[in-house]
């Protein structure tokens, strides 16, 4: 199972944002939807990642955030993985504890999807158990 490819369990249609999006507006959208990390895409290519932590740091360090865009605060040092990399490689990155979402990109930098630690947990769980006891809607399927 850990030798399977990332593209087999990744989310191929993640919610994304772009560098020109207003930070205050996006922060409300993220809060309302419970999203904590967003890939930042420009012309289909991954250019950054925005996390609630990145936003929190901006709100803590400034007297105002008016006029700031996603591009002003996004993190451009991105850990990413390729669609044909092994699930075990992603699991090792998640074991580090610093990541919750890892963008999946092509060789040219095009965003192909995202993978989360939950995607891996779900894959392992479903391989061991035919049906979930508590959270069937999350683990079955």
C-alpha atoms as a PDB file:
ATOM      1  CA  UNK A   1       0.000   0.000   0.000  1.00  0.00           C
ATOM      2  CA  UNK A   2       2.732   2.509   0.832  1.00  0.00           C
ATOM      3  CA  UNK A   3       4.260   1.706  -2.572  1.00  0.00           C
ATOM      4  CA  UNK A   4       1.141   2.840  -4.412  1.00  0.00           C
ATOM      5  CA  UNK A   5       1.228   6.176  -6.230  1.00  0.00           C
ATOM      6  CA  UNK A   6       0.077   9.440  -4.684  1.00  0.00           C
ATOM      7  CA  UNK A   7      -2.271  10.135  -7.620  1.00  0.00           C
ATOM      8  CA  UNK A   8      -4.335   7.101  -6.592  1.00  0.00           C
ATOM      9  CA  UNK A   9      -5.564   8.772  -3.395  1.00  0.00           C
ATOM     10  CA  UNK A  10      -4.975  12.513  -3.883  1.00  0.00           C
ATOM     11  CA  UNK A  11      -7.757  15.047  -4.248  1.00  0.00           C
ATOM     12  CA  UNK A  12      -7.560  16.037  -7.946  1.00  0.00           C
ATOM     13  CA  UNK A  13      -9.811  19.087  -7.504  1.00  0.00           C
ATOM     14  CA  UNK A  14      -8.696  20.968  -4.392  1.00  0.00           C
ATOM     15  CA  UNK A  15      -9.963  24.405  -3.466  1.00  0.00           C
ATOM     16  CA  UNK A  16      -7.307  26.922  -4.518  1.00  0.00           C
ATOM     17  CA  UNK A  17      -6.750  30.655  -4.477  1.00  0.00           C
ATOM     18  CA  UNK A  18      -4.635  33.108  -6.435  1.00  0.00           C
ATOM     19  CA  UNK A  19      -1.989  35.623  -5.364  1.00  0.00           C
ATOM     20  CA  UNK A  20      -4.163  38.669  -6.092  1.00  0.00           C
ATOM     21  CA  UNK A  21      -7.044  37.649  -3.812  1.00  0.00           C
ATOM     22  CA  UNK A  22      -7.777  40.044  -0.943  1.00  0.00           C
ATOM     23  CA  UNK A  23      -6.479  38.497   2.284  1.00  0.00           C
ATOM     24  CA  UNK A  24      -9.288  39.720   4.549  1.00  0.00           C
ATOM     25  CA  UNK A  25     -11.962  38.398   2.170  1.00  0.00           C
ATOM     26  CA  UNK A  26     -10.220  35.039   1.826  1.00  0.00           C
ATOM     27  CA  UNK A  27      -9.699  34.693   5.576  1.00  0.00           C
ATOM     28  CA  UNK A  28     -13.463  34.888   6.082  1.00  0.00           C
ATOM     29  CA  UNK A  29     -14.046  32.286   3.357  1.00  0.00           C
ATOM     30  CA  UNK A  30     -11.484  29.947   4.933  1.00  0.00           C
ATOM     31  CA  UNK A  31     -13.012  30.393   8.371  1.00  0.00           C
ATOM     32  CA  UNK A  32     -16.532  29.737   7.089  1.00  0.00           C
ATOM     33  CA  UNK A  33     -15.481  26.562   5.255  1.00  0.00           C
ATOM     34  CA  UNK A  34     -12.991  25.254   7.836  1.00  0.00           C
ATOM     35  CA  UNK A  35     -10.101  25.215   5.360  1.00  0.00           C
ATOM     36  CA  UNK A  36      -6.682  25.632   6.970  1.00  0.00           C
ATOM     37  CA  UNK A  37      -4.371  25.474   3.941  1.00  0.00           C
ATOM     38  CA  UNK A  38      -4.855  26.603   0.375  1.00  0.00           C
ATOM     39  CA  UNK A  39      -2.600  26.095  -2.618  1.00  0.00           C
ATOM     40  CA  UNK A  40      -1.956  29.395  -4.397  1.00  0.00           C
ATOM     41  CA  UNK A  41      -2.116  28.990  -8.157  1.00  0.00           C
ATOM     42  CA  UNK A  42      -1.271  31.385 -10.959  1.00  0.00           C
ATOM     43  CA  UNK A  43      -2.038  30.276 -14.527  1.00  0.00           C
ATOM     44  CA  UNK A  44      -2.368  26.671 -13.347  1.00  0.00           C
ATOM     45  CA  UNK A  45       1.044  26.603 -11.657  1.00  0.00           C
ATOM     46  CA  UNK A  46       1.606  26.329  -7.930  1.00  0.00           C
ATOM     47  CA  UNK A  47       3.263  29.540  -6.692  1.00  0.00           C
ATOM     48  CA  UNK A  48       2.686  29.278  -2.951  1.00  0.00           C
ATOM     49  CA  UNK A  49       0.606  27.946  -0.124  1.00  0.00           C
ATOM     50  CA  UNK A  50      -1.440  29.963   2.329  1.00  0.00           C
ATOM     51  CA  UNK A  51      -2.145  28.651   5.800  1.00  0.00           C
ATOM     52  CA  UNK A  52      -4.187  29.988   8.661  1.00  0.00           C
ATOM     53  CA  UNK A  53      -0.874  30.240  10.537  1.00  0.00           C
ATOM     54  CA  UNK A  54       0.513  32.549   7.813  1.00  0.00           C
ATOM     55  CA  UNK A  55      -2.548  34.755   8.187  1.00  0.00           C
ATOM     56  CA  UNK A  56      -2.394  34.710  11.974  1.00  0.00           C
ATOM     57  CA  UNK A  57       1.236  35.893  11.841  1.00  0.00           C
ATOM     58  CA  UNK A  58       0.209  38.807   9.623  1.00  0.00           C
ATOM     59  CA  UNK A  59      -2.641  39.795  11.910  1.00  0.00           C
ATOM     60  CA  UNK A  60      -0.341  39.593  14.938  1.00  0.00           C
ATOM     61  CA  UNK A  61       2.495  41.598  13.405  1.00  0.00           C
ATOM     62  CA  UNK A  62       0.549  44.450  11.823  1.00  0.00           C
ATOM     63  CA  UNK A  63      -1.771  47.139  12.993  1.00  0.00           C
ATOM     64  CA  UNK A  64      -3.804  46.696   9.805  1.00  0.00           C
ATOM     65  CA  UNK A  65      -4.127  44.081   7.103  1.00  0.00           C
ATOM     66  CA  UNK A  66      -6.245  46.233   4.825  1.00  0.00           C
ATOM     67  CA  UNK A  67      -5.081  45.996   1.241  1.00  0.00           C
ATOM     68  CA  UNK A  68      -2.968  42.876   1.739  1.00  0.00           C
ATOM     69  CA  UNK A  69      -3.278  40.120  -0.836  1.00  0.00           C
ATOM     70  CA  UNK A  70      -2.622  36.399  -0.656  1.00  0.00           C
ATOM     71  CA  UNK A  71       0.640  37.025  -2.542  1.00  0.00           C
ATOM     72  CA  UNK A  72       1.810  39.337   0.236  1.00  0.00           C
ATOM     73  CA  UNK A  73       1.663  36.639   2.908  1.00  0.00           C
ATOM     74  CA  UNK A  74       1.744  33.241   1.169  1.00  0.00           C
ATOM     75  CA  UNK A  75       4.611  30.881   1.814  1.00  0.00           C
ATOM     76  CA  UNK A  76       6.702  30.273  -1.297  1.00  0.00           C
ATOM     77  CA  UNK A  77       8.943  27.651   0.296  1.00  0.00           C
ATOM     78  CA  UNK A  78       6.645  24.758  -0.509  1.00  0.00           C
ATOM     79  CA  UNK A  79       7.064  21.086   0.194  1.00  0.00           C
ATOM     80  CA  UNK A  80       5.473  19.328  -2.746  1.00  0.00           C
ATOM     81  CA  UNK A  81       5.214  15.870  -4.168  1.00  0.00           C
ATOM     82  CA  UNK A  82       4.716  14.409  -7.649  1.00  0.00           C
ATOM     83  CA  UNK A  83       1.707  12.302  -8.743  1.00  0.00           C
ATOM     84  CA  UNK A  84       3.871   9.190  -9.267  1.00  0.00           C
ATOM     85  CA  UNK A  85       5.698   9.457  -5.947  1.00  0.00           C
ATOM     86  CA  UNK A  86       4.866   6.782  -3.402  1.00  0.00           C
ATOM     87  CA  UNK A  87       2.214   7.195  -0.740  1.00  0.00           C
ATOM     88  CA  UNK A  88       4.921   6.184   1.748  1.00  0.00           C
ATOM     89  CA  UNK A  89       6.929   9.267   0.782  1.00  0.00           C
ATOM     90  CA  UNK A  90       3.942  11.465   1.598  1.00  0.00           C
ATOM     91  CA  UNK A  91       3.403   9.569   4.867  1.00  0.00           C
ATOM     92  CA  UNK A  92       7.011  10.226   5.852  1.00  0.00           C
ATOM     93  CA  UNK A  93       6.536  13.957   5.192  1.00  0.00           C
ATOM     94  CA  UNK A  94       3.380  13.992   7.315  1.00  0.00           C
ATOM     95  CA  UNK A  95       5.167  12.121  10.113  1.00  0.00           C
ATOM     96  CA  UNK A  96       7.448  15.140  10.367  1.00  0.00           C
ATOM     97  CA  UNK A  97       4.474  16.965  11.855  1.00  0.00           C
ATOM     98  CA  UNK A  98       4.838  20.264  10.021  1.00  0.00           C
ATOM     99  CA  UNK A  99       2.421  19.564   7.195  1.00  0.00           C
ATOM    100  CA  UNK A 100      -1.296  18.945   6.921  1.00  0.00           C
ATOM    101  CA  UNK A 101      -1.654  19.302   3.169  1.00  0.00           C
ATOM    102  CA  UNK A 102       0.958  18.648   0.501  1.00  0.00           C
ATOM    103  CA  UNK A 103       0.416  19.952  -3.030  1.00  0.00           C
ATOM    104  CA  UNK A 104       0.848  17.416  -5.827  1.00  0.00           C
ATOM    105  CA  UNK A 105       2.517  18.986  -8.861  1.00  0.00           C
ATOM    106  CA  UNK A 106       3.757  17.952 -12.291  1.00  0.00           C
ATOM    107  CA  UNK A 107       7.383  18.327 -13.337  1.00  0.00           C
ATOM    108  CA  UNK A 108       6.499  21.711 -14.847  1.00  0.00           C
ATOM    109  CA  UNK A 109       4.934  22.970 -11.592  1.00  0.00           C
ATOM    110  CA  UNK A 110       1.282  22.553 -12.576  1.00  0.00           C
ATOM    111  CA  UNK A 111      -0.941  21.780  -9.601  1.00  0.00           C
ATOM    112  CA  UNK A 112      -2.451  18.316 -10.063  1.00  0.00           C
ATOM    113  CA  UNK A 113      -4.075  17.944  -6.633  1.00  0.00           C
ATOM    114  CA  UNK A 114      -3.403  17.732  -2.934  1.00  0.00           C
ATOM    115  CA  UNK A 115      -2.839  14.929  -0.474  1.00  0.00           C
ATOM    116  CA  UNK A 116      -3.504  15.040   3.250  1.00  0.00           C
ATOM    117  CA  UNK A 117      -2.609  12.811   6.139  1.00  0.00           C
ATOM    118  CA  UNK A 118      -6.303  11.926   6.324  1.00  0.00           C
ATOM    119  CA  UNK A 119      -6.167  10.594   2.742  1.00  0.00           C
ATOM    120  CA  UNK A 120      -3.471   8.149   3.849  1.00  0.00           C
ATOM    121  CA  UNK A 121      -5.260   7.198   7.071  1.00  0.00           C
ATOM    122  CA  UNK A 122      -8.433   6.531   5.080  1.00  0.00           C
ATOM    123  CA  UNK A 123      -6.517   4.346   2.592  1.00  0.00           C
ATOM    124  CA  UNK A 124      -4.940   2.287   5.386  1.00  0.00           C
ATOM    125  CA  UNK A 125      -8.212   1.988   7.294  1.00  0.00           C
ATOM    126  CA  UNK A 126     -10.180   0.899   4.230  1.00  0.00           C
ATOM    127  CA  UNK A 127      -7.562  -1.729   3.376  1.00  0.00           C
ATOM    128  CA  UNK A 128      -7.903  -3.283   6.840  1.00  0.00           C
ATOM    129  CA  UNK A 129     -11.622  -2.941   7.525  1.00  0.00           C
ATOM    130  CA  UNK A 130     -14.504  -3.664   5.193  1.00  0.00           C
ATOM    131  CA  UNK A 131     -16.783  -1.165   6.930  1.00  0.00           C
ATOM    132  CA  UNK A 132     -16.363   1.628   9.418  1.00  0.00           C
ATOM    133  CA  UNK A 133     -18.015   1.413  12.809  1.00  0.00           C
ATOM    134  CA  UNK A 134     -18.376   5.085  13.745  1.00  0.00           C
ATOM    135  CA  UNK A 135     -17.760   7.337  10.752  1.00  0.00           C
ATOM    136  CA  UNK A 136     -19.058   5.392   7.780  1.00  0.00           C
ATOM    137  CA  UNK A 137     -19.578   8.492   5.635  1.00  0.00           C
ATOM    138  CA  UNK A 138     -15.885   9.410   6.035  1.00  0.00           C
ATOM    139  CA  UNK A 139     -14.206   6.034   5.656  1.00  0.00           C
ATOM    140  CA  UNK A 140     -16.378   3.986   3.328  1.00  0.00           C
ATOM    141  CA  UNK A 141     -15.890   4.791  -0.298  1.00  0.00           C
END
